[in-house]
Amino acid sequence: MLADTMGLTHDTVEASVSARGLDAQARCWLVVQAYRGRDRARLHLARPVGAVVRPATGGELEAGLRVSVLALDEGDLADLVVVAWIERRLPATELDGIDARPARGIPMDAARASRDGVTTLRIEAGAGARGSRRLAA
């Protein structure tokens, strides 16, 4: 609503994020970011155009959480890539997730934004999980 009031160009991406392998009572932070561009090899160099951070438990993530990410820029929804990962703790200065970056090797998932529905992301967070599971085309 604020983006509309200020006249900013934006897209809203709906994402459903689930994670397996976490203790049901474990408290963590879900970080979801939207990036513009099709060059996925250079995604780590890009600045997110939108982000959201929310507290969650392992049980909530197992069941799946739905989040909305507001991408504040111009462009086609089809050019957005949605990335999600789980943090055990975040710096106190990281309120909106726009500057957050996953540590090397942290379990995460990424997919192109769905044009007409919900982008689905699944994170394998168990003890054997290693790095990014997929980057869907």
C-alpha atoms as a PDB file:
ATOM      1  CA  MET A   1       0.000   0.000   0.000  1.00  0.00           C
ATOM      2  CA  LEU A   2       2.836   2.405   0.790  1.00  0.00           C
ATOM      3  CA  ALA A   3       4.398   1.654  -2.609  1.00  0.00           C
ATOM      4  CA  ASP A   4       1.099   2.502  -4.305  1.00  0.00           C
ATOM      5  CA  THR A   5       0.704   5.699  -2.282  1.00  0.00           C
ATOM      6  CA  MET A   6       4.206   6.843  -3.186  1.00  0.00           C
ATOM      7  CA  GLY A   7       3.715   5.937  -6.851  1.00  0.00           C
ATOM      8  CA  LEU A   8       6.489   3.346  -6.891  1.00  0.00           C
ATOM      9  CA  THR A   9       6.561   0.644  -9.551  1.00  0.00           C
ATOM     10  CA  HIS A  10       6.437  -2.774  -7.962  1.00  0.00           C
ATOM     11  CA  ASP A  11       5.558  -6.443  -8.249  1.00  0.00           C
ATOM     12  CA  THR A  12       4.394  -8.640  -5.405  1.00  0.00           C
ATOM     13  CA  VAL A  13       5.676 -12.197  -5.434  1.00  0.00           C
ATOM     14  CA  GLU A  14       3.871 -14.822  -3.393  1.00  0.00           C
ATOM     15  CA  ALA A  15       6.138 -17.615  -2.168  1.00  0.00           C
ATOM     16  CA  SER A  16       5.415 -20.803  -0.291  1.00  0.00           C
ATOM     17  CA  VAL A  17       8.518 -21.920   1.601  1.00  0.00           C
ATOM     18  CA  SER A  18       8.928 -25.219   3.389  1.00  0.00           C
ATOM     19  CA  ALA A  19      11.911 -26.855   5.039  1.00  0.00           C
ATOM     20  CA  ARG A  20      12.648 -30.370   6.194  1.00  0.00           C
ATOM     21  CA  GLY A  21      15.191 -31.508   8.721  1.00  0.00           C
ATOM     22  CA  LEU A  22      14.702 -28.912  11.467  1.00  0.00           C
ATOM     23  CA  ASP A  23      13.643 -29.697  15.016  1.00  0.00           C
ATOM     24  CA  ALA A  24       9.955 -28.735  15.302  1.00  0.00           C
ATOM     25  CA  GLN A  25      10.667 -26.411  18.252  1.00  0.00           C
ATOM     26  CA  ALA A  26      13.780 -24.820  16.738  1.00  0.00           C
ATOM     27  CA  ARG A  27      13.449 -21.044  16.412  1.00  0.00           C
ATOM     28  CA  CYS A  28      14.965 -19.447  13.344  1.00  0.00           C
ATOM     29  CA  TRP A  29      14.553 -16.695  10.763  1.00  0.00           C
ATOM     30  CA  LEU A  30      13.238 -17.256   7.259  1.00  0.00           C
ATOM     31  CA  VAL A  31      14.839 -14.900   4.738  1.00  0.00           C
ATOM     32  CA  VAL A  32      13.212 -14.539   1.315  1.00  0.00           C
ATOM     33  CA  GLN A  33      14.592 -12.208  -1.342  1.00  0.00           C
ATOM     34  CA  ALA A  34      13.636 -11.311  -4.921  1.00  0.00           C
ATOM     35  CA  TYR A  35      16.276 -10.534  -7.525  1.00  0.00           C
ATOM     36  CA  ARG A  36      15.854  -9.112 -11.018  1.00  0.00           C
ATOM     37  CA  GLY A  37      17.646 -10.752 -13.905  1.00  0.00           C
ATOM     38  CA  ARG A  38      18.053 -13.915 -15.875  1.00  0.00           C
ATOM     39  CA  ASP A  39      21.802 -14.409 -15.370  1.00  0.00           C
ATOM     40  CA  ARG A  40      21.612 -16.788 -12.428  1.00  0.00           C
ATOM     41  CA  ALA A  41      25.375 -17.309 -12.404  1.00  0.00           C
ATOM     42  CA  ARG A  42      25.776 -13.668 -11.331  1.00  0.00           C
ATOM     43  CA  LEU A  43      22.928 -13.635  -8.824  1.00  0.00           C
ATOM     44  CA  HIS A  44      25.348 -13.493  -5.882  1.00  0.00           C
ATOM     45  CA  LEU A  45      26.628 -10.150  -7.190  1.00  0.00           C
ATOM     46  CA  ALA A  46      23.170  -8.601  -7.558  1.00  0.00           C
ATOM     47  CA  ARG A  47      21.290  -6.479  -5.045  1.00  0.00           C
ATOM     48  CA  PRO A  48      17.829  -7.739  -4.089  1.00  0.00           C
ATOM     49  CA  VAL A  49      14.886  -5.666  -5.288  1.00  0.00           C
ATOM     50  CA  GLY A  50      12.752  -6.931  -2.418  1.00  0.00           C
ATOM     51  CA  ALA A  51      13.047  -8.987   0.747  1.00  0.00           C
ATOM     52  CA  VAL A  52      11.208 -10.176   3.791  1.00  0.00           C
ATOM     53  CA  VAL A  53      12.439 -11.693   7.054  1.00  0.00           C
ATOM     54  CA  ARG A  54      10.168 -13.429   9.513  1.00  0.00           C
ATOM     55  CA  PRO A  55      10.624 -15.548  12.607  1.00  0.00           C
ATOM     56  CA  ALA A  56       9.596 -19.187  12.307  1.00  0.00           C
ATOM     57  CA  THR A  57       9.858 -22.530  14.021  1.00  0.00           C
ATOM     58  CA  GLY A  58      10.968 -25.780  12.468  1.00  0.00           C
ATOM     59  CA  GLY A  59       7.398 -27.034  12.762  1.00  0.00           C
ATOM     60  CA  GLU A  60       5.999 -24.040  10.888  1.00  0.00           C
ATOM     61  CA  LEU A  61       8.569 -24.479   8.141  1.00  0.00           C
ATOM     62  CA  GLU A  62       7.835 -28.203   7.882  1.00  0.00           C
ATOM     63  CA  ALA A  63       4.166 -27.326   7.302  1.00  0.00           C
ATOM     64  CA  GLY A  64       5.113 -24.504   4.919  1.00  0.00           C
ATOM     65  CA  LEU A  65       4.882 -20.734   5.244  1.00  0.00           C
ATOM     66  CA  ARG A  66       3.468 -18.325   2.705  1.00  0.00           C
ATOM     67  CA  VAL A  67       5.129 -14.939   2.367  1.00  0.00           C
ATOM     68  CA  SER A  68       4.704 -11.928   0.097  1.00  0.00           C
ATOM     69  CA  VAL A  69       7.781 -10.137  -1.208  1.00  0.00           C
ATOM     70  CA  LEU A  70       7.378  -6.634  -2.590  1.00  0.00           C
ATOM     71  CA  ALA A  71       9.847  -6.034  -5.435  1.00  0.00           C
ATOM     72  CA  LEU A  72      10.320  -2.265  -5.705  1.00  0.00           C
ATOM     73  CA  ASP A  73      11.509  -1.669  -9.236  1.00  0.00           C
ATOM     74  CA  GLU A  74      10.394  -1.744 -12.842  1.00  0.00           C
ATOM     75  CA  GLY A  75      10.422  -4.906 -14.867  1.00  0.00           C
ATOM     76  CA  ASP A  76       8.597  -8.059 -15.809  1.00  0.00           C
ATOM     77  CA  LEU A  77       7.529 -10.464 -13.090  1.00  0.00           C
ATOM     78  CA  ALA A  78       9.032 -13.239 -15.225  1.00  0.00           C
ATOM     79  CA  ASP A  79      12.488 -11.720 -14.663  1.00  0.00           C
ATOM     80  CA  LEU A  80      12.327 -12.192 -10.882  1.00  0.00           C
ATOM     81  CA  VAL A  81      14.176 -14.968  -9.119  1.00  0.00           C
ATOM     82  CA  VAL A  82      13.063 -15.777  -5.568  1.00  0.00           C
ATOM     83  CA  VAL A  83      15.661 -17.069  -3.086  1.00  0.00           C
ATOM     84  CA  ALA A  84      14.999 -18.396   0.434  1.00  0.00           C
ATOM     85  CA  TRP A  85      17.148 -19.651   3.277  1.00  0.00           C
ATOM     86  CA  ILE A  86      17.023 -20.132   7.030  1.00  0.00           C
ATOM     87  CA  GLU A  87      19.177 -18.298   9.552  1.00  0.00           C
ATOM     88  CA  ARG A  88      19.639 -19.382  13.153  1.00  0.00           C
ATOM     89  CA  ARG A  89      20.154 -15.746  14.148  1.00  0.00           C
ATOM     90  CA  LEU A  90      20.305 -12.414  12.398  1.00  0.00           C
ATOM     91  CA  PRO A  91      22.215  -9.255  13.278  1.00  0.00           C
ATOM     92  CA  ALA A  92      20.041  -6.750  15.151  1.00  0.00           C
ATOM     93  CA  THR A  93      20.508  -4.317  12.252  1.00  0.00           C
ATOM     94  CA  GLU A  94      18.962  -6.736   9.730  1.00  0.00           C
ATOM     95  CA  LEU A  95      15.299  -5.773   9.950  1.00  0.00           C
ATOM     96  CA  ASP A  96      14.023  -6.137   6.397  1.00  0.00           C
ATOM     97  CA  GLY A  97      16.386  -8.722   4.889  1.00  0.00           C
ATOM     98  CA  ILE A  98      17.512  -6.558   1.996  1.00  0.00           C
ATOM     99  CA  ASP A  99      21.173  -6.684   3.069  1.00  0.00           C
ATOM    100  CA  ALA A 100      21.157 -10.284   4.311  1.00  0.00           C
ATOM    101  CA  ARG A 101      23.326 -12.806   2.477  1.00  0.00           C
ATOM    102  CA  PRO A 102      23.455 -16.543   3.108  1.00  0.00           C
ATOM    103  CA  ALA A 103      26.692 -17.924   4.477  1.00  0.00           C
ATOM    104  CA  ARG A 104      28.619 -20.194   2.128  1.00  0.00           C
ATOM    105  CA  GLY A 105      27.159 -23.694   2.105  1.00  0.00           C
ATOM    106  CA  ILE A 106      23.910 -22.782   3.886  1.00  0.00           C
ATOM    107  CA  PRO A 107      20.886 -24.773   2.662  1.00  0.00           C
ATOM    108  CA  MET A 108      18.696 -22.643   0.411  1.00  0.00           C
ATOM    109  CA  ASP A 109      16.438 -22.816  -2.609  1.00  0.00           C
ATOM    110  CA  ALA A 110      15.743 -20.550  -5.561  1.00  0.00           C
ATOM    111  CA  ALA A 111      13.207 -20.485  -8.376  1.00  0.00           C
ATOM    112  CA  ARG A 112      11.852 -18.159 -11.033  1.00  0.00           C
ATOM    113  CA  ALA A 113       8.839 -16.224  -9.827  1.00  0.00           C
ATOM    114  CA  SER A 114       5.552 -17.724 -10.920  1.00  0.00           C
ATOM    115  CA  ARG A 115       3.653 -15.438 -13.300  1.00  0.00           C
ATOM    116  CA  ASP A 116       0.222 -16.477 -12.131  1.00  0.00           C
ATOM    117  CA  GLY A 117       0.504 -18.186  -8.798  1.00  0.00           C
ATOM    118  CA  VAL A 118       2.725 -19.027  -5.887  1.00  0.00           C
ATOM    119  CA  THR A 119       6.452 -19.682  -6.221  1.00  0.00           C
ATOM    120  CA  THR A 120       7.285 -22.861  -4.311  1.00  0.00           C
ATOM    121  CA  LEU A 121      10.619 -23.219  -2.510  1.00  0.00           C
ATOM    122  CA  ARG A 122      11.773 -26.270  -0.523  1.00  0.00           C
ATOM    123  CA  ILE A 123      14.825 -26.193   1.720  1.00  0.00           C
ATOM    124  CA  GLU A 124      16.577 -29.359   2.875  1.00  0.00           C
ATOM    125  CA  ALA A 125      17.933 -28.220   6.243  1.00  0.00           C
ATOM    126  CA  GLY A 126      18.859 -31.536   7.840  1.00  0.00           C
ATOM    127  CA  ALA A 127      22.289 -32.568   9.041  1.00  0.00           C
ATOM    128  CA  GLY A 128      23.289 -33.897   5.618  1.00  0.00           C
ATOM    129  CA  ALA A 129      22.037 -30.889   3.647  1.00  0.00           C
ATOM    130  CA  ARG A 130      24.669 -29.031   1.688  1.00  0.00           C
ATOM    131  CA  GLY A 131      24.346 -25.748  -0.142  1.00  0.00           C
ATOM    132  CA  SER A 132      21.803 -24.789  -2.761  1.00  0.00           C
ATOM    133  CA  ARG A 133      19.494 -27.602  -3.748  1.00  0.00           C
ATOM    134  CA  ARG A 134      18.347 -26.214  -7.085  1.00  0.00           C
ATOM    135  CA  LEU A 135      17.936 -23.143  -9.208  1.00  0.00           C
ATOM    136  CA  ALA A 136      14.876 -23.782 -11.344  1.00  0.00           C
ATOM    137  CA  ALA A 137      14.574 -22.334 -14.806  1.00  0.00           C
END
